[in-house]
Protein backbone atom coordinates (compact mmCIF):
# COMPACT_ATOMS: atom_id res chain seq x y z
CA ASP A 1 164.70 -118.73 83.89
CA ARG A 2 167.45 -116.93 82.08
CA GLY A 3 168.71 -118.04 78.71
CA GLN A 4 170.54 -116.91 75.65
CA PHE A 5 169.95 -118.00 72.09
CA LEU A 6 172.40 -118.13 69.24
CA ASP A 7 170.78 -117.81 65.87
CA GLY A 8 171.94 -118.04 62.32
CA GLU A 9 169.34 -116.28 60.23
CA VAL A 10 166.33 -115.24 62.26
CA GLY A 11 164.81 -112.10 60.83
CA GLN A 12 165.53 -113.07 57.25
CA SER A 13 162.04 -114.40 56.60
CA ARG A 14 159.65 -112.53 54.38
CA LEU A 15 157.32 -110.14 56.22
CA GLU A 16 154.09 -109.28 54.52
CA ASP A 17 152.16 -106.09 55.16
CA GLY A 18 150.05 -106.17 58.27
CA GLU A 19 151.64 -109.25 59.87
CA LEU A 20 153.65 -107.44 62.56
CA PRO A 21 154.41 -103.90 63.64
CA ALA A 22 156.99 -102.47 61.26
CA ALA A 23 159.51 -101.98 64.07
CA GLU A 24 159.57 -105.64 65.13
CA SER A 25 162.48 -107.52 63.58
CA GLY A 26 162.79 -111.28 63.45
CA ASP A 27 165.20 -111.08 66.40
CA ASP A 28 162.64 -109.09 68.39
CA LEU A 29 159.92 -111.57 67.53
CA LEU A 30 162.09 -114.51 68.60
CA LEU A 31 162.89 -112.84 71.93
CA ARG A 32 159.23 -111.89 72.49
CA ARG A 33 158.00 -115.41 71.71
CA ILE A 34 160.61 -116.95 74.02
CA GLY A 35 159.76 -114.39 76.72
CA GLU A 36 156.08 -115.32 76.50
CA ARG A 37 157.13 -118.77 77.66
CA GLY A 38 158.81 -117.54 80.82
CA VAL A 39 162.40 -117.24 79.60
CA ASP A 40 164.44 -114.12 80.14
CA ALA A 41 166.27 -114.22 76.82
CA ASP A 42 168.14 -110.96 76.62
CA GLU A 43 169.99 -111.41 73.42
CA VAL A 44 169.92 -113.08 70.06
CA ILE A 45 173.46 -113.21 68.79
CA ARG A 46 173.55 -113.14 65.03
CA PHE A 47 176.49 -114.75 63.33
CA ARG A 48 177.61 -115.43 59.83
CA PRO A 49 176.54 -118.89 58.77
CA ILE A 50 179.86 -120.63 59.36
CA PRO A 51 180.49 -123.04 62.23
CA GLN A 52 183.46 -121.10 63.61
CA ALA A 53 181.22 -118.06 64.15
CA GLY A 54 178.78 -120.15 66.17
CA GLN A 55 181.61 -121.48 68.32
CA PHE A 56 182.93 -117.97 68.94
CA GLY A 57 179.48 -116.71 69.96
CA ARG A 58 178.95 -119.60 72.34
CA GLN A 59 182.34 -119.09 74.00
CA ARG A 60 181.54 -115.38 74.35
CA LEU A 61 178.26 -116.22 76.07
CA ARG A 62 179.93 -118.63 78.49
CA ILE A 63 182.44 -115.93 79.47
CA GLY A 64 179.67 -113.32 79.83
CA PHE A 65 177.52 -115.62 81.94
CA GLY A 66 180.49 -116.22 84.26
CA LEU A 67 181.15 -112.50 84.63
CA LEU A 68 177.48 -111.84 85.41
CA ASP A 69 177.25 -114.87 87.72
CA LEU A 70 174.48 -116.39 85.61
CA PRO A 71 174.00 -120.08 84.92
CA GLY A 72 175.61 -121.06 81.65
CA ASP A 73 173.91 -124.41 81.22
CA ARG A 74 170.93 -123.25 79.14
CA ILE A 75 172.63 -121.85 76.10
CA GLY A 76 171.25 -123.14 72.84
CA MET A 77 171.58 -122.64 69.15
CA LEU A 78 168.62 -122.19 66.85
CA GLY A 79 169.71 -122.05 63.23
CA PHE A 80 167.50 -121.15 60.28
CA SER A 81 168.56 -122.21 56.75
CA ALA A 82 172.31 -121.49 56.41
CA GLY A 83 172.28 -120.83 60.16
CA GLY A 84 171.21 -124.46 60.51
CA VAL A 85 174.39 -125.44 58.68
CA ALA A 86 176.44 -123.36 61.14
CA THR A 87 174.58 -124.98 64.03
CA LEU A 88 175.31 -128.44 62.61
CA GLY A 89 178.96 -127.48 62.27
CA VAL A 90 179.15 -126.69 65.96
CA LEU A 91 177.26 -129.86 66.91
CA LEU A 92 179.58 -132.04 64.84
CA ASP A 93 182.86 -130.32 65.76
CA HIS A 94 182.92 -128.80 69.24
CA ASP A 95 184.80 -128.92 72.48
CA LYS A 96 183.62 -128.51 76.06
CA SER A 97 183.63 -124.69 75.89
CA ASP A 98 181.44 -124.33 72.80
CA ARG A 99 179.01 -127.28 72.92
CA PRO A 100 175.44 -126.00 73.03
CA ASP A 101 173.11 -127.40 75.69
CA PHE A 102 170.38 -127.83 73.07
CA ALA A 103 169.99 -127.11 69.38
CA GLY A 104 167.31 -126.49 66.82
CA LEU A 105 167.56 -126.81 63.05
CA ILE A 106 164.80 -124.93 61.28
CA TYR A 107 164.73 -125.68 57.51
CA PRO A 108 168.50 -126.29 57.53
CA GLY A 109 170.65 -126.27 54.44
CA PRO A 110 172.42 -129.41 53.18
CA TRP A 111 175.35 -130.79 55.16
CA ALA A 112 176.54 -134.38 54.84
CA ILE A 113 177.10 -136.04 58.22
CA ASP A 114 179.82 -138.67 58.47
CA LYS A 115 179.82 -139.20 62.23
CA VAL A 116 177.78 -137.76 65.10
CA PRO A 117 179.84 -137.17 68.28
CA ALA A 118 178.80 -139.03 71.43
CA ASP A 119 178.18 -135.84 73.43
CA VAL A 120 175.81 -133.89 71.18
CA PRO A 121 172.87 -132.23 72.93
CA PRO A 122 169.18 -132.86 72.30
CA LEU A 123 168.14 -131.75 68.81
CA PHE A 124 164.89 -130.26 67.47
CA VAL A 125 164.26 -130.23 63.71
CA ALA A 126 161.43 -128.48 61.83
CA ALA A 127 161.02 -128.29 58.06
CA ALA A 128 158.37 -128.35 55.36
CA LYS A 129 157.87 -131.31 53.04
CA ASP A 130 157.32 -128.94 50.10
CA ASP A 131 160.81 -127.46 50.61
CA ALA A 132 163.10 -129.03 47.98
CA LEU A 133 165.95 -129.00 50.52
CA THR A 134 164.15 -131.11 53.16
CA PRO A 135 164.99 -134.55 51.67
CA LEU A 136 168.59 -133.38 51.13
CA ALA A 137 169.06 -131.72 54.51
CA ALA A 138 166.63 -131.92 57.43
CA GLU A 139 165.52 -135.52 56.90
CA PRO A 140 168.96 -137.17 56.56
CA GLN A 141 170.46 -134.92 59.25
CA ALA A 142 167.77 -135.86 61.77
CA GLN A 143 168.12 -139.53 60.82
CA ALA A 144 171.91 -139.44 61.34
CA PHE A 145 171.40 -138.19 64.91
CA LYS A 146 168.68 -140.82 65.54
CA ASP A 147 170.86 -143.59 64.10
CA ALA A 148 173.64 -142.53 66.48
CA GLY A 149 171.22 -142.94 69.41
CA HIS A 150 170.69 -139.26 70.23
CA PRO A 151 167.41 -137.60 71.23
CA VAL A 152 165.83 -135.91 68.20
CA GLU A 153 162.41 -134.31 67.93
CA THR A 154 161.30 -133.93 64.31
CA HIS A 155 158.44 -131.93 62.84
CA PHE A 156 157.97 -132.25 59.09
CA TYR A 157 155.01 -130.14 57.97
CA GLU A 158 153.08 -130.72 54.76
CA LYS A 159 153.35 -127.13 53.53
CA GLY A 160 155.48 -124.12 54.35
CA GLY A 161 158.31 -124.02 51.83
CA HIS A 162 161.78 -122.78 52.68
CA GLY A 163 162.08 -119.67 54.82
CA PHE A 164 158.83 -119.90 56.82
CA GLY A 165 160.52 -118.30 59.83
CA MET A 166 158.67 -116.98 62.87
CA TYR A 167 155.78 -115.18 61.23
CA PRO A 168 152.20 -116.52 61.10
CA LYS A 169 151.24 -118.49 58.00
CA GLU A 170 148.04 -120.02 56.64
CA THR A 171 149.41 -123.55 57.18
CA THR A 172 150.08 -125.73 60.21
CA ILE A 173 153.76 -124.81 60.03
CA THR A 174 152.93 -121.76 62.16
CA GLY A 175 152.85 -124.19 65.11
CA TRP A 176 156.53 -125.10 64.91
CA PHE A 177 157.60 -122.58 67.55
CA ASP A 178 154.99 -123.79 70.04
CA ALA A 179 156.26 -127.34 69.49
CA PHE A 180 159.83 -126.08 70.01
CA ALA A 181 158.84 -124.37 73.28
CA ARG A 182 157.14 -127.53 74.57
CA TRP A 183 160.25 -129.52 73.61
CA LEU A 184 162.48 -127.07 75.53
CA GLY A 185 160.16 -127.44 78.53
CA MET A 186 160.21 -131.22 78.29
CA HIS A 187 164.02 -131.13 78.52
CA GLY A 188 163.94 -128.69 81.45
CA TYR A 189 165.37 -125.69 79.59
CA LEU A 190 162.46 -123.46 80.45
CA LYS A 191 159.44 -123.42 82.67
CA LEU A 192 156.31 -123.19 80.58
CA LYS A 193 153.76 -120.69 81.86
CA ALA A 194 150.57 -122.30 83.09
């Protein structure tokens, strides 16, 4: 399977000594972890955390996929913190050319949702209950999508704070990416390795 991921802030998480080789960035870790699940994800496109940047990146990927004769129906957005706000912006205000096929909000920042469009893709949300932003952001955002009748997978972990990212932790929040990968597989966006 071949896929591309748009990301808002991967690589911004704190890295403590000894957790990963010094040369591995958050982008590299995201690509490696996705690759371990059978996806050929060549690129993480970083964008400034504004919705218009996410739309531009998605349109660029659609054009590139067409030029390379690759399927363009497995392009998703995975936004961390302010990148989650940019991802929400695209989900709530998009057209046919920039609508992601799936989206993930990982400890997103606050964004009030007035109306959820009818054609939003499946949504995955992960956040920590000890993050002061969770009751202001992830919880009401996920609920707005559920109330509008859209598929939403939510994972609210007891501990993890804000900015838990991709790196291993001493809490159960480390399992969020495995849950995300299973969710992608459930929706047919990747083939999980046996």
